[in-house]
Amino acid sequence: MIKFTDFIIPVFICAVIGLALIKKLNVFEIFINGAQKGLNSAAKLLPTFIILLTAIGMFKASGALDMLIQLLAPVAKLIGLPSELLPIAILRPLSGSGSIALFKSIADANSPDGKIVRIAAVMLSSTETTFYTIAVYFGATKVKRLRFTLIAALIGDIAVIVLSPIIVNLLFP
């Protein structure tokens, strides 16, 4: 069955190209310039990505993640956060794909409607990959001083970790 939503993107692309042609713009040249600027931006950000991914790999491979999880387990228990979710809570600000992989393993091992999966889903949907995002945006704009950005973002991440079990318990008693 064909749905209206199947046509939104092709219609939008045709409308943009049609409008450009009506205004007598060189669509191909504009596309090439945009693609070139995109590649230049990607080339400038590549060192930041490499450093960030290397640091995350070293953090996990060194055993520091496991030690941090053991250290934070009593605090997690105190706020009602299952200790199985600590790796997600720690990795989410660092790595989106890593935290999604952890979520998948937790979802595979537990009931999809279980409390632990719901808490993990709320955590993932309410947080951002803080360090990755800061590295990308501040790296792209060449801003050197983070000022209060990192502190505010980490406070938001901590709030999500604390509030996720509370919200799931309120919504799904």
Protein backbone atom coordinates (compact mmCIF):
# COMPACT_ATOMS: atom_id res chain seq x y z
CA MET A 1 0.00 0.00 0.00
CA ILE A 2 1.40 3.38 -1.00
CA LYS A 3 1.33 6.03 1.72
CA PHE A 4 1.60 9.79 1.53
CA THR A 5 4.76 9.71 3.65
CA ASP A 6 6.51 7.66 0.96
CA PHE A 7 6.49 10.75 -1.27
CA ILE A 8 7.56 13.50 1.13
CA ILE A 9 11.31 13.37 0.48
CA PRO A 10 11.13 12.95 -3.34
CA VAL A 11 8.56 15.78 -3.56
CA PHE A 12 10.73 18.01 -1.36
CA ILE A 13 13.84 17.33 -3.49
CA CYS A 14 11.93 18.02 -6.71
CA ALA A 15 10.46 21.22 -5.22
CA VAL A 16 13.91 22.50 -4.21
CA ILE A 17 15.38 21.71 -7.64
CA GLY A 18 12.33 23.22 -9.37
CA LEU A 19 12.58 26.42 -7.33
CA ALA A 20 16.30 26.69 -8.09
CA LEU A 21 15.63 26.26 -11.81
CA ILE A 22 12.85 28.89 -11.71
CA LYS A 23 15.32 31.29 -10.07
CA LYS A 24 17.84 30.33 -12.81
CA LEU A 25 20.43 29.00 -10.38
CA ASN A 26 23.06 26.48 -11.40
CA VAL A 27 21.82 23.54 -9.32
CA PHE A 28 24.79 21.30 -10.15
CA GLU A 29 27.37 23.94 -9.21
CA ILE A 30 25.58 24.72 -5.94
CA PHE A 31 25.43 21.00 -5.14
CA ILE A 32 29.16 20.56 -5.86
CA ASN A 33 30.06 23.58 -3.68
CA GLY A 34 27.93 22.22 -0.82
CA ALA A 35 29.50 18.79 -1.11
CA GLN A 36 32.99 20.33 -1.13
CA LYS A 37 32.24 22.35 2.02
CA GLY A 38 30.88 19.20 3.68
CA LEU A 39 34.06 17.26 2.86
CA ASN A 40 36.22 20.12 4.15
CA SER A 41 34.26 20.14 7.42
CA ALA A 42 34.64 16.37 7.73
CA ALA A 43 38.40 16.63 7.12
CA LYS A 44 38.72 19.27 9.86
CA LEU A 45 36.76 17.12 12.34
CA LEU A 46 38.55 13.83 11.60
CA PRO A 47 41.41 14.35 14.11
CA THR A 48 38.86 15.11 16.85
CA PHE A 49 36.97 11.90 16.05
CA ILE A 50 40.14 9.82 16.07
CA ILE A 51 41.26 11.18 19.45
CA LEU A 52 37.80 10.68 20.96
CA LEU A 53 37.42 7.10 19.69
CA THR A 54 40.96 6.23 20.81
CA ALA A 55 40.30 7.61 24.31
CA ILE A 56 37.06 5.62 24.60
CA GLY A 57 38.80 2.44 23.45
CA MET A 58 41.59 2.97 25.96
CA PHE A 59 39.09 3.65 28.76
CA LYS A 60 37.30 0.36 28.12
CA ALA A 61 40.40 -1.75 27.40
CA SER A 62 42.31 -0.53 30.46
CA GLY A 63 39.69 -1.86 32.85
CA ALA A 64 38.93 1.65 34.12
CA LEU A 65 35.29 1.21 33.11
CA ASP A 66 34.96 -1.95 35.20
CA MET A 67 36.60 -0.29 38.20
CA LEU A 68 34.32 2.73 37.90
CA ILE A 69 31.25 0.47 37.72
CA GLN A 70 32.31 -1.34 40.92
CA LEU A 71 32.88 1.99 42.63
CA LEU A 72 29.49 3.39 41.63
CA ALA A 73 27.40 0.24 42.29
CA PRO A 74 26.45 1.24 45.88
CA VAL A 75 25.37 4.71 44.70
CA ALA A 76 23.29 3.17 41.92
CA LYS A 77 21.57 0.89 44.40
CA LEU A 78 20.84 3.88 46.64
CA ILE A 79 19.00 5.76 43.83
CA GLY A 80 17.22 2.65 42.56
CA LEU A 81 19.26 2.24 39.39
CA PRO A 82 19.94 -1.41 38.53
CA SER A 83 23.69 -1.98 38.54
CA GLU A 84 23.40 -3.62 35.11
CA LEU A 85 22.67 -0.15 33.72
CA LEU A 86 25.81 1.49 35.08
CA PRO A 87 27.82 0.73 31.92
CA ILE A 88 25.17 2.54 29.85
CA ALA A 89 25.13 5.46 32.28
CA ILE A 90 28.90 5.78 32.06
CA LEU A 91 29.34 5.16 28.33
CA ARG A 92 26.39 7.20 27.04
CA PRO A 93 28.14 10.57 27.42
CA LEU A 94 31.14 9.11 25.60
CA SER A 95 29.81 6.81 22.90
CA GLY A 96 26.38 6.58 21.33
CA SER A 97 27.05 3.36 19.46
CA GLY A 98 28.67 1.75 22.51
CA SER A 99 25.71 2.57 24.72
CA ILE A 100 23.26 1.34 22.07
CA ALA A 101 25.17 -1.96 21.88
CA LEU A 102 24.96 -2.28 25.66
CA PHE A 103 21.25 -1.54 25.52
CA LYS A 104 20.76 -4.26 22.90
CA SER A 105 22.51 -6.83 25.08
CA ILE A 106 20.37 -5.80 28.08
CA ALA A 107 17.19 -5.91 25.99
CA ASP A 108 18.12 -9.36 24.64
CA ALA A 109 18.74 -10.69 28.15
CA ASN A 110 15.58 -9.22 29.72
CA SER A 111 11.90 -8.89 28.96
CA PRO A 112 11.21 -5.97 26.60
CA ASP A 113 8.49 -4.80 28.99
CA GLY A 114 10.70 -5.29 32.03
CA LYS A 115 11.65 -2.45 34.32
CA ILE A 116 15.37 -2.65 33.54
CA VAL A 117 14.80 -2.32 29.77
CA ARG A 118 12.39 0.58 30.31
CA ILE A 119 14.85 2.42 32.53
CA ALA A 120 17.62 1.88 29.98
CA ALA A 121 15.35 3.14 27.19
CA VAL A 122 14.48 6.28 29.14
CA MET A 123 18.18 6.88 29.86
CA LEU A 124 19.17 6.50 26.22
CA SER A 125 16.37 8.64 24.88
CA SER A 126 16.92 11.42 27.41
CA THR A 127 20.68 11.91 27.10
CA GLU A 128 23.18 12.92 24.48
CA THR A 129 26.68 11.73 23.76
CA THR A 130 27.99 14.74 25.66
CA PHE A 131 31.72 14.52 24.99
CA TYR A 132 31.22 13.54 21.34
CA THR A 133 28.82 16.44 20.74
CA ILE A 134 31.07 18.95 22.48
CA ALA A 135 34.09 17.67 20.54
CA VAL A 136 32.26 17.96 17.22
CA TYR A 137 30.63 21.36 17.72
CA PHE A 138 33.48 23.05 19.56
CA GLY A 139 35.98 21.48 17.16
CA ALA A 140 34.03 22.71 14.13
CA THR A 141 33.71 26.24 15.49
CA LYS A 142 37.26 26.27 16.87
CA VAL A 143 36.01 27.39 20.28
CA LYS A 144 38.71 26.62 22.84
CA ARG A 145 37.00 27.45 26.15
CA LEU A 146 34.11 25.24 27.13
CA ARG A 147 33.06 27.59 29.94
CA PHE A 148 30.00 26.03 31.56
CA THR A 149 28.93 23.83 28.63
CA LEU A 150 30.53 20.64 29.93
CA ILE A 151 29.34 21.19 33.50
CA ALA A 152 25.75 21.87 32.39
CA ALA A 153 25.74 18.86 30.06
CA LEU A 154 27.09 16.53 32.75
CA ILE A 155 24.53 17.82 35.26
CA GLY A 156 21.86 16.95 32.68
CA ASP A 157 23.33 13.46 32.27
CA ILE A 158 23.40 12.92 36.04
CA ALA A 159 19.81 14.15 36.33
CA VAL A 160 18.74 11.57 33.74
CA ILE A 161 20.56 8.78 35.57
CA VAL A 162 18.85 9.72 38.84
CA LEU A 163 15.40 10.43 37.39
CA SER A 164 15.09 7.52 34.93
CA PRO A 165 14.29 4.88 37.56
CA ILE A 166 11.94 7.29 39.35
CA ILE A 167 10.01 8.10 36.17
CA VAL A 168 9.74 4.45 35.12
CA ASN A 169 8.52 3.52 38.60
CA LEU A 170 5.91 6.31 38.45
CA LEU A 171 4.67 5.44 34.98
CA PHE A 172 4.85 1.65 35.30
CA PRO A 173 4.18 0.76 38.97
